[in-house]
PDB file of N, CA and C in Angstrom:
ATOM      1  N   MET A   1      -5.682  20.220 -21.997  1.00  0.00           N
ATOM      2  CA  MET A   1      -5.759  20.987 -20.642  1.00  0.00           C
ATOM      3  C   MET A   1      -4.567  20.848 -19.965  1.00  0.00           C
ATOM      4  N   SER A   2      -4.188  22.008 -19.355  1.00  0.00           N
ATOM      5  CA  SER A   2      -2.826  22.345 -18.677  1.00  0.00           C
ATOM      6  C   SER A   2      -3.055  21.742 -17.207  1.00  0.00           C
ATOM      7  N   ASP A   3      -1.958  21.019 -16.700  1.00  0.00           N
ATOM      8  CA  ASP A   3      -1.937  20.665 -15.264  1.00  0.00           C
ATOM      9  C   ASP A   3      -1.415  21.690 -14.536  1.00  0.00           C
ATOM     10  N   GLU A   4      -1.079  22.848 -15.188  1.00  0.00           N
ATOM     11  CA  GLU A   4      -0.346  24.003 -14.361  1.00  0.00           C
ATOM     12  C   GLU A   4      -1.387  24.555 -13.385  1.00  0.00           C
ATOM     13  N   LYS A   5      -0.836  24.789 -12.312  1.00  0.00           N
ATOM     14  CA  LYS A   5      -1.840  25.335 -11.053  1.00  0.00           C
ATOM     15  C   LYS A   5      -1.556  26.650 -11.048  1.00  0.00           C
ATOM     16  N   TRP A   6      -2.616  27.492 -10.665  1.00  0.00           N
ATOM     17  CA  TRP A   6      -2.480  28.910 -10.553  1.00  0.00           C
ATOM     18  C   TRP A   6      -3.317  29.534  -9.222  1.00  0.00           C
ATOM     19  N   LEU A   7      -2.762  30.361  -8.651  1.00  0.00           N
ATOM     20  CA  LEU A   7      -3.281  31.009  -7.487  1.00  0.00           C
ATOM     21  C   LEU A   7      -4.062  32.346  -7.930  1.00  0.00           C
ATOM     22  N   LEU A   8      -5.271  32.547  -7.338  1.00  0.00           N
ATOM     23  CA  LEU A   8      -5.917  33.851  -7.673  1.00  0.00           C
ATOM     24  C   LEU A   8      -5.722  34.785  -6.642  1.00  0.00           C
ATOM     25  N   ILE A   9      -5.642  36.150  -7.085  1.00  0.00           N
ATOM     26  CA  ILE A   9      -5.282  37.189  -5.997  1.00  0.00           C
ATOM     27  C   ILE A   9      -6.426  38.291  -6.133  1.00  0.00           C
ATOM     28  N   LYS A  10      -6.767  38.581  -5.015  1.00  0.00           N
ATOM     29  CA  LYS A  10      -7.807  39.863  -4.862  1.00  0.00           C
ATOM     30  C   LYS A  10      -7.421  40.530  -3.453  1.00  0.00           C
ATOM     31  N   ARG A  11      -7.399  41.734  -3.629  1.00  0.00           N
ATOM     32  CA  ARG A  11      -6.970  42.621  -2.378  1.00  0.00           C
ATOM     33  C   ARG A  11      -5.696  42.230  -1.808  1.00  0.00           C
ATOM     34  N   ASP A  12      -4.743  42.052  -2.660  1.00  0.00           N
ATOM     35  CA  ASP A  12      -3.373  41.566  -2.432  1.00  0.00           C
ATOM     36  C   ASP A  12      -3.300  40.272  -1.500  1.00  0.00           C
ATOM     37  N   LEU A  13      -4.379  39.374  -1.540  1.00  0.00           N
ATOM     38  CA  LEU A  13      -4.297  38.169  -0.792  1.00  0.00           C
ATOM     39  C   LEU A  13      -4.706  37.112  -1.712  1.00  0.00           C
ATOM     40  N   TYR A  14      -4.336  35.862  -1.507  1.00  0.00           N
ATOM     41  CA  TYR A  14      -4.782  34.664  -2.365  1.00  0.00           C
ATOM     42  C   TYR A  14      -6.122  34.206  -1.938  1.00  0.00           C
ATOM     43  N   GLU A  15      -6.881  33.815  -2.959  1.00  0.00           N
ATOM     44  CA  GLU A  15      -8.187  33.196  -2.657  1.00  0.00           C
ATOM     45  C   GLU A  15      -8.031  31.822  -2.096  1.00  0.00           C
ATOM     46  N   ARG A  16      -8.790  31.376  -1.174  1.00  0.00           N
ATOM     47  CA  ARG A  16      -8.613  30.143  -0.528  1.00  0.00           C
ATOM     48  C   ARG A  16      -9.327  29.092  -1.522  1.00  0.00           C
ATOM     49  N   PRO A  17      -9.132  27.869  -1.213  1.00  0.00           N
ATOM     50  CA  PRO A  17      -9.768  26.775  -1.966  1.00  0.00           C
ATOM     51  C   PRO A  17     -11.291  27.060  -2.153  1.00  0.00           C
ATOM     52  N   ASP A  18     -11.765  26.626  -3.353  1.00  0.00           N
ATOM     53  CA  ASP A  18     -13.208  26.984  -3.846  1.00  0.00           C
ATOM     54  C   ASP A  18     -13.703  28.365  -3.520  1.00  0.00           C
ATOM     55  N   ARG A  19     -12.679  29.226  -3.550  1.00  0.00           N
ATOM     56  CA  ARG A  19     -13.051  30.691  -3.466  1.00  0.00           C
ATOM     57  C   ARG A  19     -13.811  31.134  -2.277  1.00  0.00           C
ATOM     58  N   CYS A  20     -13.410  30.380  -1.181  1.00  0.00           N
ATOM     59  CA  CYS A  20     -13.974  30.571   0.223  1.00  0.00           C
ATOM     60  C   CYS A  20     -13.149  31.420   1.044  1.00  0.00           C
ATOM     61  N   GLY A  21     -13.065  32.659   0.799  1.00  0.00           N
ATOM     62  CA  GLY A  21     -12.332  33.591   1.711  1.00  0.00           C
ATOM     63  C   GLY A  21     -10.928  33.910   1.035  1.00  0.00           C
ATOM     64  N   TYR A  22     -10.137  34.436   1.839  1.00  0.00           N
ATOM     65  CA  TYR A  22      -8.794  34.858   1.427  1.00  0.00           C
ATOM     66  C   TYR A  22      -7.786  34.653   2.449  1.00  0.00           C
ATOM     67  N   THR A  23      -6.536  34.527   2.005  1.00  0.00           N
ATOM     68  CA  THR A  23      -5.328  34.173   2.748  1.00  0.00           C
ATOM     69  C   THR A  23      -4.144  34.777   2.233  1.00  0.00           C
ATOM     70  N   GLY A  24      -3.263  35.177   3.066  1.00  0.00           N
ATOM     71  CA  GLY A  24      -1.930  35.797   2.770  1.00  0.00           C
ATOM     72  C   GLY A  24      -0.769  34.688   2.463  1.00  0.00           C
ATOM     73  N   ILE A  25      -1.068  33.451   2.856  1.00  0.00           N
ATOM     74  CA  ILE A  25      -0.224  32.381   3.015  1.00  0.00           C
ATOM     75  C   ILE A  25      -0.486  31.327   1.699  1.00  0.00           C
ATOM     76  N   ARG A  26       0.764  31.299   0.880  1.00  0.00           N
ATOM     77  CA  ARG A  26       0.517  30.445  -0.335  1.00  0.00           C
ATOM     78  C   ARG A  26       0.133  28.985   0.060  1.00  0.00           C
ATOM     79  N   ASP A  27       0.692  28.349   1.061  1.00  0.00           N
ATOM     80  CA  ASP A  27       0.246  26.966   1.367  1.00  0.00           C
ATOM     81  C   ASP A  27      -1.281  26.800   1.649  1.00  0.00           C
ATOM     82  N   CYS A  28      -1.920  27.971   2.037  1.00  0.00           N
ATOM     83  CA  CYS A  28      -3.481  27.837   2.480  1.00  0.00           C
ATOM     84  C   CYS A  28      -4.270  28.151   1.229  1.00  0.00           C
ATOM     85  N   ALA A  29      -3.645  28.619   0.088  1.00  0.00           N
ATOM     86  CA  ALA A  29      -4.376  29.092  -1.100  1.00  0.00           C
ATOM     87  C   ALA A  29      -4.944  28.039  -1.832  1.00  0.00           C
ATOM     88  N   GLY A  30      -6.088  28.322  -2.543  1.00  0.00           N
ATOM     89  CA  GLY A  30      -6.653  27.459  -3.531  1.00  0.00           C
ATOM     90  C   GLY A  30      -5.822  27.228  -4.793  1.00  0.00           C
ATOM     91  N   ARG A  31      -5.927  26.233  -5.346  1.00  0.00           N
ATOM     92  CA  ARG A  31      -5.126  26.051  -6.612  1.00  0.00           C
ATOM     93  C   ARG A  31      -6.256  25.799  -7.733  1.00  0.00           C
ATOM     94  N   TYR A  32      -5.919  26.556  -8.876  1.00  0.00           N
ATOM     95  CA  TYR A  32      -6.897  26.750  -9.974  1.00  0.00           C
ATOM     96  C   TYR A  32      -6.243  26.374 -11.192  1.00  0.00           C
ATOM     97  N   SER A  33      -7.139  26.002 -12.240  1.00  0.00           N
ATOM     98  CA  SER A  33      -6.748  25.708 -13.410  1.00  0.00           C
ATOM     99  C   SER A  33      -6.274  27.034 -14.207  1.00  0.00           C
ATOM    100  N   LYS A  34      -5.476  26.834 -15.384  1.00  0.00           N
ATOM    101  CA  LYS A  34      -5.060  27.942 -16.130  1.00  0.00           C
ATOM    102  C   LYS A  34      -6.421  28.648 -16.739  1.00  0.00           C
ATOM    103  N   GLU A  35      -7.409  27.952 -17.021  1.00  0.00           N
ATOM    104  CA  GLU A  35      -8.606  28.469 -17.661  1.00  0.00           C
ATOM    105  C   GLU A  35      -9.189  29.353 -16.675  1.00  0.00           C
ATOM    106  N   VAL A  36      -9.399  28.909 -15.463  1.00  0.00           N
ATOM    107  CA  VAL A  36     -10.097  29.737 -14.277  1.00  0.00           C
ATOM    108  C   VAL A  36      -9.232  30.950 -14.152  1.00  0.00           C
ATOM    109  N   ALA A  37      -7.945  30.711 -14.132  1.00  0.00           N
ATOM    110  CA  ALA A  37      -7.089  31.925 -13.849  1.00  0.00           C
ATOM    111  C   ALA A  37      -7.274  33.011 -14.952  1.00  0.00           C
ATOM    112  N   GLU A  38      -7.218  32.530 -16.342  1.00  0.00           N
ATOM    113  CA  GLU A  38      -7.325  33.467 -17.407  1.00  0.00           C
ATOM    114  C   GLU A  38      -8.716  34.251 -17.209  1.00  0.00           C
ATOM    115  N   ARG A  39      -9.946  33.466 -16.928  1.00  0.00           N
ATOM    116  CA  ARG A  39     -11.071  34.215 -16.660  1.00  0.00           C
ATOM    117  C   ARG A  39     -11.005  35.245 -15.640  1.00  0.00           C
ATOM    118  N   HIS A  40     -10.305  34.762 -14.626  1.00  0.00           N
ATOM    119  CA  HIS A  40     -10.199  35.681 -13.436  1.00  0.00           C
ATOM    120  C   HIS A  40      -9.395  36.906 -13.776  1.00  0.00           C
ATOM    121  N   MET A  41      -8.319  36.872 -14.478  1.00  0.00           N
ATOM    122  CA  MET A  41      -7.483  37.947 -14.908  1.00  0.00           C
ATOM    123  C   MET A  41      -8.192  38.762 -15.860  1.00  0.00           C
ATOM    124  N   ALA A  42      -8.982  38.179 -16.699  1.00  0.00           N
ATOM    125  CA  ALA A  42      -9.858  39.042 -17.644  1.00  0.00           C
ATOM    126  C   ALA A  42     -10.801  39.921 -16.885  1.00  0.00           C
ATOM    127  N   HIS A  43     -11.252  39.629 -15.889  1.00  0.00           N
ATOM    128  CA  HIS A  43     -12.129  40.399 -15.055  1.00  0.00           C
ATOM    129  C   HIS A  43     -11.389  41.360 -14.072  1.00  0.00           C
ATOM    130  N   HIS A  44     -10.423  40.819 -13.417  1.00  0.00           N
ATOM    131  CA  HIS A  44      -9.720  41.588 -12.482  1.00  0.00           C
ATOM    132  C   HIS A  44      -8.343  42.155 -12.726  1.00  0.00           C
ATOM    133  N   GLY A  45      -7.762  41.861 -13.962  1.00  0.00           N
ATOM    134  CA  GLY A  45      -6.529  42.476 -14.338  1.00  0.00           C
ATOM    135  C   GLY A  45      -5.508  41.438 -14.487  1.00  0.00           C
ATOM    136  N   PRO A  46      -4.294  41.724 -15.174  1.00  0.00           N
ATOM    137  CA  PRO A  46      -3.360  40.781 -15.342  1.00  0.00           C
ATOM    138  C   PRO A  46      -2.510  40.343 -14.059  1.00  0.00           C
ATOM    139  N   ASP A  47      -2.548  41.077 -13.068  1.00  0.00           N
ATOM    140  CA  ASP A  47      -1.848  40.774 -11.885  1.00  0.00           C
ATOM    141  C   ASP A  47      -2.649  40.054 -10.875  1.00  0.00           C
ATOM    142  N   SER A  48      -3.861  39.525 -11.312  1.00  0.00           N
ATOM    143  CA  SER A  48      -4.751  38.919 -10.325  1.00  0.00           C
ATOM    144  C   SER A  48      -4.757  37.414 -10.095  1.00  0.00           C
ATOM    145  N   ALA A  49      -3.719  36.917 -10.863  1.00  0.00           N
ATOM    146  CA  ALA A  49      -3.402  35.549 -10.725  1.00  0.00           C
ATOM    147  C   ALA A  49      -1.889  35.279 -10.997  1.00  0.00           C
ATOM    148  N   VAL A  50      -1.376  34.164 -10.466  1.00  0.00           N
ATOM    149  CA  VAL A  50       0.084  33.845 -10.589  1.00  0.00           C
ATOM    150  C   VAL A  50       0.212  32.414 -10.570  1.00  0.00           C
ATOM    151  N   ARG A  51       1.151  31.933 -11.398  1.00  0.00           N
ATOM    152  CA  ARG A  51       1.405  30.456 -11.307  1.00  0.00           C
ATOM    153  C   ARG A  51       1.956  30.087 -10.054  1.00  0.00           C
ATOM    154  N   GLU A  52       1.618  28.883  -9.585  1.00  0.00           N
ATOM    155  CA  GLU A  52       2.103  28.378  -8.199  1.00  0.00           C
ATOM    156  C   GLU A  52       3.399  28.515  -7.990  1.00  0.00           C
ATOM    157  N   GLU A  53       4.240  28.133  -8.989  1.00  0.00           N
ATOM    158  CA  GLU A  53       5.788  28.198  -8.775  1.00  0.00           C
ATOM    159  C   GLU A  53       6.281  29.579  -8.735  1.00  0.00           C
ATOM    160  N   ASP A  54       5.479  30.574  -9.117  1.00  0.00           N
ATOM    161  CA  ASP A  54       5.854  31.883  -9.150  1.00  0.00           C
ATOM    162  C   ASP A  54       5.295  32.723  -7.914  1.00  0.00           C
ATOM    163  N   ALA A  55       4.584  32.125  -7.228  1.00  0.00           N
ATOM    164  CA  ALA A  55       3.847  32.773  -6.201  1.00  0.00           C
ATOM    165  C   ALA A  55       4.731  33.026  -4.903  1.00  0.00           C
ATOM    166  N   PRO A  56       4.936  34.138  -4.401  1.00  0.00           N
ATOM    167  CA  PRO A  56       5.606  34.207  -3.029  1.00  0.00           C
ATOM    168  C   PRO A  56       4.910  33.348  -1.920  1.00  0.00           C
ATOM    169  N   GLU A  57       5.647  33.063  -0.951  1.00  0.00           N
ATOM    170  CA  GLU A  57       5.129  32.255   0.122  1.00  0.00           C
ATOM    171  C   GLU A  57       4.085  33.117   0.783  1.00  0.00           C
ATOM    172  N   PHE A  58       4.317  34.400   1.020  1.00  0.00           N
ATOM    173  CA  PHE A  58       3.436  35.263   1.969  1.00  0.00           C
ATOM    174  C   PHE A  58       3.212  36.424   0.923  1.00  0.00           C
ATOM    175  N   ARG A  59       1.834  37.069   0.874  1.00  0.00           N
ATOM    176  CA  ARG A  59       1.451  38.236   0.103  1.00  0.00           C
ATOM    177  C   ARG A  59       1.919  39.278   1.166  1.00  0.00           C
ATOM    178  N   ALA A  60       2.098  40.504   0.754  1.00  0.00           N
ATOM    179  CA  ALA A  60       2.282  41.648   1.566  1.00  0.00           C
ATOM    180  C   ALA A  60       1.218  42.022   2.574  1.00  0.00           C
ATOM    181  N   ALA A  61       0.017  41.700   2.025  1.00  0.00           N
ATOM    182  CA  ALA A  61      -1.146  41.957   3.065  1.00  0.00           C
ATOM    183  C   ALA A  61      -1.477  40.959   4.014  1.00  0.00           C
ATOM    184  N   ALA A  62      -0.608  39.879   4.135  1.00  0.00           N
ATOM    185  CA  ALA A  62      -0.746  38.769   5.026  1.00  0.00           C
ATOM    186  C   ALA A  62      -0.691  39.338   6.466  1.00  0.00           C
ATOM    187  N   PHE A  63      -1.559  38.895   7.426  1.00  0.00           N
ATOM    188  CA  PHE A  63      -1.502  39.160   8.784  1.00  0.00           C
ATOM    189  C   PHE A  63      -0.266  38.635   9.513  1.00  0.00           C
ATOM    190  N   ASN A  64       0.501  39.365  10.127  1.00  0.00           N
ATOM    191  CA  ASN A  64       1.705  38.992  10.849  1.00  0.00           C
ATOM    192  C   ASN A  64       1.474  37.844  11.811  1.00  0.00           C
ATOM    193  N   ASP A  65       0.547  37.933  12.474  1.00  0.00           N
ATOM    194  CA  ASP A  65       0.309  36.812  13.505  1.00  0.00           C
ATOM    195  C   ASP A  65      -0.151  35.569  12.832  1.00  0.00           C
ATOM    196  N   LEU A  66      -0.762  35.545  11.647  1.00  0.00           N
ATOM    197  CA  LEU A  66      -0.894  34.337  10.951  1.00  0.00           C
ATOM    198  C   LEU A  66       0.243  33.736  10.196  1.00  0.00           C
ATOM    199  N   VAL A  67       1.130  34.761   9.667  1.00  0.00           N
ATOM    200  CA  VAL A  67       2.388  34.304   9.215  1.00  0.00           C
ATOM    201  C   VAL A  67       3.392  33.736  10.259  1.00  0.00           C
ATOM    202  N   ILE A  68       3.311  34.256  11.366  1.00  0.00           N
ATOM    203  CA  ILE A  68       4.232  33.632  12.466  1.00  0.00           C
ATOM    204  C   ILE A  68       3.697  32.305  12.959  1.00  0.00           C
ATOM    205  N   ALA A  69       2.312  32.140  13.075  1.00  0.00           N
ATOM    206  CA  ALA A  69       1.686  30.829  13.355  1.00  0.00           C
ATOM    207  C   ALA A  69       2.159  29.790  12.295  1.00  0.00           C
ATOM    208  N   HIS A  70       2.199  30.233  11.007  1.00  0.00           N
ATOM    209  CA  HIS A  70       2.436  29.296  10.013  1.00  0.00           C
ATOM    210  C   HIS A  70       3.833  28.898  10.066  1.00  0.00           C
ATOM    211  N   LEU A  71       4.727  29.867  10.300  1.00  0.00           N
ATOM    212  CA  LEU A  71       6.155  29.421  10.306  1.00  0.00           C
ATOM    213  C   LEU A  71       6.574  28.746  11.523  1.00  0.00           C
ATOM    214  N   THR A  72       5.813  28.959  12.645  1.00  0.00           N
ATOM    215  CA  THR A  72       5.961  28.202  13.873  1.00  0.00           C
ATOM    216  C   THR A  72       5.597  26.766  13.656  1.00  0.00           C
ATOM    217  N   LYS A  73       4.507  26.578  12.976  1.00  0.00           N
ATOM    218  CA  LYS A  73       4.026  25.169  12.692  1.00  0.00           C
ATOM    219  C   LYS A  73       4.960  24.444  11.842  1.00  0.00           C
ATOM    220  N   GLN A  74       5.535  25.096  10.769  1.00  0.00           N
ATOM    221  CA  GLN A  74       6.466  24.615   9.700  1.00  0.00           C
ATOM    222  C   GLN A  74       7.743  24.147  10.689  1.00  0.00           C
ATOM    223  N   ARG A  75       8.190  24.909  11.450  1.00  0.00           N
ATOM    224  CA  ARG A  75       9.496  24.651  12.237  1.00  0.00           C
ATOM    225  C   ARG A  75       9.145  23.472  13.222  1.00  0.00           C
ATOM    226  N   ASP A  76       7.950  23.467  13.931  1.00  0.00           N
ATOM    227  CA  ASP A  76       7.794  22.396  14.798  1.00  0.00           C
ATOM    228  C   ASP A  76       7.516  21.126  14.130  1.00  0.00           C
ATOM    229  N   THR A  77       6.922  21.096  12.898  1.00  0.00           N
ATOM    230  CA  THR A  77       6.818  19.836  12.110  1.00  0.00           C
ATOM    231  C   THR A  77       8.271  19.421  11.755  1.00  0.00           C
ATOM    232  N   ALA A  78       9.157  20.232  11.178  1.00  0.00           N
ATOM    233  CA  ALA A  78      10.432  19.828  10.904  1.00  0.00           C
ATOM    234  C   ALA A  78      11.185  19.290  12.035  1.00  0.00           C
ATOM    235  N   HIS A  79      11.173  19.951  13.181  1.00  0.00           N
ATOM    236  CA  HIS A  79      11.794  19.330  14.426  1.00  0.00           C
ATOM    237  C   HIS A  79      11.224  18.009  14.724  1.00  0.00           C
ATOM    238  N   ALA A  80      10.068  17.813  14.733  1.00  0.00           N
ATOM    239  CA  ALA A  80       9.367  16.456  14.950  1.00  0.00           C
ATOM    240  C   ALA A  80       9.799  15.431  14.055  1.00  0.00           C
ATOM    241  N   GLU A  81       9.838  15.802  12.772  1.00  0.00           N
ATOM    242  CA  GLU A  81      10.294  14.874  11.692  1.00  0.00           C
ATOM    243  C   GLU A  81      11.792  14.466  11.818  1.00  0.00           C
ATOM    244  N   ALA A  82      12.652  15.452  12.225  1.00  0.00           N
ATOM    245  CA  ALA A  82      14.187  15.306  12.473  1.00  0.00           C
ATOM    246  C   ALA A  82      14.260  14.407  13.731  1.00  0.00           C
ATOM    247  N   ARG A  83      13.404  14.718  14.762  1.00  0.00           N
ATOM    248  CA  ARG A  83      13.525  13.733  15.939  1.00  0.00           C
ATOM    249  C   ARG A  83      13.098  12.478  15.778  1.00  0.00           C
ATOM    250  N   ASN A  84      12.042  12.171  14.985  1.00  0.00           N
ATOM    251  CA  ASN A  84      11.510  10.846  14.640  1.00  0.00           C
ATOM    252  C   ASN A  84      12.594  10.090  13.890  1.00  0.00           C
ATOM    253  N   GLN A  85      13.112  10.833  12.901  1.00  0.00           N
ATOM    254  CA  GLN A  85      14.202  10.120  12.113  1.00  0.00           C
ATOM    255  C   GLN A  85      15.431   9.675  12.896  1.00  0.00           C
ATOM    256  N   ALA A  86      15.880  10.505  13.813  1.00  0.00           N
ATOM    257  CA  ALA A  86      16.915  10.285  14.805  1.00  0.00           C
ATOM    258  C   ALA A  86      16.638   9.017  15.597  1.00  0.00           C
ATOM    259  N   LEU A  87      15.465   8.953  15.957  1.00  0.00           N
ATOM    260  CA  LEU A  87      14.926   7.848  16.819  1.00  0.00           C
ATOM    261  C   LEU A  87      14.791   6.557  16.095  1.00  0.00           C
ATOM    262  N   GLU A  88      14.305   6.629  14.857  1.00  0.00           N
ATOM    263  CA  GLU A  88      14.248   5.503  14.043  1.00  0.00           C
ATOM    264  C   GLU A  88      15.656   4.864  13.715  1.00  0.00           C
ATOM    265  N   GLU A  89      16.728   5.917  13.571  1.00  0.00           N
ATOM    266  CA  GLU A  89      18.062   5.389  13.174  1.00  0.00           C
ATOM    267  C   GLU A  89      18.582   4.743  14.503  1.00  0.00           C
ATOM    268  N   ALA A  90      18.197   5.294  15.598  1.00  0.00           N
ATOM    269  CA  ALA A  90      18.734   4.700  16.916  1.00  0.00           C
ATOM    270  C   ALA A  90      18.144   3.302  17.038  1.00  0.00           C
ATOM    271  N   ALA A  91      16.853   3.261  16.786  1.00  0.00           N
ATOM    272  CA  ALA A  91      16.196   1.852  16.822  1.00  0.00           C
ATOM    273  C   ALA A  91      16.754   0.851  15.899  1.00  0.00           C
ATOM    274  N   ALA A  92      17.152   1.331  14.565  1.00  0.00           N
ATOM    275  CA  ALA A  92      17.712   0.449  13.574  1.00  0.00           C
ATOM    276  C   ALA A  92      19.060  -0.059  13.988  1.00  0.00           C
ATOM    277  N   LEU A  93      19.741   0.896  14.793  1.00  0.00           N
ATOM    278  CA  LEU A  93      21.217   0.495  15.240  1.00  0.00           C
ATOM    279  C   LEU A  93      20.942  -0.394  16.415  1.00  0.00           C
ATOM    280  N   ALA A  94      20.066  -0.330  17.309  1.00  0.00           N
ATOM    281  CA  ALA A  94      19.908  -1.234  18.283  1.00  0.00           C
ATOM    282  C   ALA A  94      19.394  -2.490  17.830  1.00  0.00           C
ATOM    283  N   ASP A  95      18.573  -2.576  16.855  1.00  0.00           N
ATOM    284  CA  ASP A  95      18.297  -3.873  16.068  1.00  0.00           C
ATOM    285  C   ASP A  95      19.409  -4.610  15.560  1.00  0.00           C
ATOM    286  N   GLU A  96      20.429  -3.837  14.898  1.00  0.00           N
ATOM    287  CA  GLU A  96      21.483  -4.458  14.405  1.00  0.00           C
ATOM    288  C   GLU A  96      22.507  -5.005  15.408  1.00  0.00           C
ATOM    289  N   ARG A  97      22.284  -4.379  16.525  1.00  0.00           N
ATOM    290  CA  ARG A  97      23.274  -4.893  17.714  1.00  0.00           C
ATOM    291  C   ARG A  97      22.447  -5.947  18.564  1.00  0.00           C
ATOM    292  N   GLY A  98      21.319  -6.353  18.151  1.00  0.00           N
ATOM    293  CA  GLY A  98      20.738  -7.436  18.823  1.00  0.00           C
ATOM    294  C   GLY A  98      19.856  -7.002  20.018  1.00  0.00           C
ATOM    295  N   ALA A  99      19.613  -5.690  20.171  1.00  0.00           N
ATOM    296  CA  ALA A  99      18.936  -5.025  21.382  1.00  0.00           C
ATOM    297  C   ALA A  99      17.525  -4.952  21.175  1.00  0.00           C
ATOM    298  N   ALA A 100      16.891  -5.975  20.830  1.00  0.00           N
ATOM    299  CA  ALA A 100      15.360  -5.866  20.364  1.00  0.00           C
ATOM    300  C   ALA A 100      14.483  -4.934  21.357  1.00  0.00           C
ATOM    301  N   THR A 101      14.747  -5.272  22.756  1.00  0.00           N
ATOM    302  CA  THR A 101      14.038  -4.415  23.733  1.00  0.00           C
ATOM    303  C   THR A 101      14.107  -3.063  23.720  1.00  0.00           C
ATOM    304  N   THR A 102      15.467  -2.689  23.470  1.00  0.00           N
ATOM    305  CA  THR A 102      15.900  -1.233  23.333  1.00  0.00           C
ATOM    306  C   THR A 102      15.162  -0.701  21.924  1.00  0.00           C
ATOM    307  N   ALA A 103      15.357  -1.394  21.054  1.00  0.00           N
ATOM    308  CA  ALA A 103      14.650  -0.847  19.854  1.00  0.00           C
ATOM    309  C   ALA A 103      13.302  -0.624  19.915  1.00  0.00           C
ATOM    310  N   THR A 104      12.613  -1.560  20.570  1.00  0.00           N
ATOM    311  CA  THR A 104      11.120  -1.317  20.977  1.00  0.00           C
ATOM    312  C   THR A 104      10.812  -0.283  21.653  1.00  0.00           C
ATOM    313  N   ALA A 105      11.698   0.144  22.825  1.00  0.00           N
ATOM    314  CA  ALA A 105      11.429   1.184  23.751  1.00  0.00           C
ATOM    315  C   ALA A 105      11.638   2.432  22.870  1.00  0.00           C
ATOM    316  N   ILE A 106      12.562   2.461  22.015  1.00  0.00           N
ATOM    317  CA  ILE A 106      13.032   3.722  21.201  1.00  0.00           C
ATOM    318  C   ILE A 106      11.685   4.018  20.272  1.00  0.00           C
ATOM    319  N   ARG A 107      11.345   2.917  19.616  1.00  0.00           N
ATOM    320  CA  ARG A 107      10.294   3.165  18.670  1.00  0.00           C
ATOM    321  C   ARG A 107       8.953   3.677  19.345  1.00  0.00           C
ATOM    322  N   ALA A 108       8.763   3.376  20.585  1.00  0.00           N
ATOM    323  CA  ALA A 108       7.557   3.890  21.360  1.00  0.00           C
ATOM    324  C   ALA A 108       7.698   5.352  21.541  1.00  0.00           C
ATOM    325  N   LEU A 109       8.900   5.934  21.315  1.00  0.00           N
ATOM    326  CA  LEU A 109       9.010   7.456  21.561  1.00  0.00           C
ATOM    327  C   LEU A 109       8.577   8.053  20.304  1.00  0.00           C
ATOM    328  N   ILE A 110       8.637   7.382  19.232  1.00  0.00           N
ATOM    329  CA  ILE A 110       8.321   8.104  17.940  1.00  0.00           C
ATOM    330  C   ILE A 110       6.983   8.567  17.784  1.00  0.00           C
ATOM    331  N   ALA A 111       6.713   9.936  17.594  1.00  0.00           N
ATOM    332  CA  ALA A 111       5.400  10.542  17.454  1.00  0.00           C
ATOM    333  C   ALA A 111       4.786  10.310  16.297  1.00  0.00           C
ATOM    334  N   PRO A 112       3.612   9.976  16.183  1.00  0.00           N
ATOM    335  CA  PRO A 112       2.795   9.855  14.984  1.00  0.00           C
ATOM    336  C   PRO A 112       2.876  11.002  14.138  1.00  0.00           C
ATOM    337  N   ALA A 113       2.855  10.896  12.825  1.00  0.00           N
ATOM    338  CA  ALA A 113       2.809  12.155  11.946  1.00  0.00           C
ATOM    339  C   ALA A 113       1.904  13.212  12.438  1.00  0.00           C
ATOM    340  N   GLY A 114       2.407  14.506  12.378  1.00  0.00           N
ATOM    341  CA  GLY A 114       1.445  15.605  12.703  1.00  0.00           C
ATOM    342  C   GLY A 114       1.450  15.919  14.130  1.00  0.00           C
ATOM    343  N   GLU A 115       2.246  15.100  14.872  1.00  0.00           N
ATOM    344  CA  GLU A 115       2.267  15.420  16.318  1.00  0.00           C
ATOM    345  C   GLU A 115       3.753  15.613  16.668  1.00  0.00           C
ATOM    346  N   GLY A 116       4.001  16.242  17.875  1.00  0.00           N
ATOM    347  CA  GLY A 116       5.372  16.383  18.201  1.00  0.00           C
ATOM    348  C   GLY A 116       5.573  17.301  19.217  1.00  0.00           C
TER     349      GLY A 116
END
């Protein structure tokens, strides 16, 4: 059995996990085995499934507002991760210089994962 992951396509959208609806966003799509994809293609045609690594990030039929919301979330997450990394580096530098109180104060500014 292959570990290769496939995305199923219908109406120019990806099928969601457990085939519960559709999405135009690759990150929100379900991942299926090659065997499931082959059965799907036998019924819906050769272009109705795509290997995960070959799938475009967004389908042409994706709703623009959902694409914008997804990209905004990606940007915000990247900014929060960069901010937290910079704060952690500043706290480590404060530790190196013997400023434990400053390091503790800096670490208090670090947002938990998923927040920011």
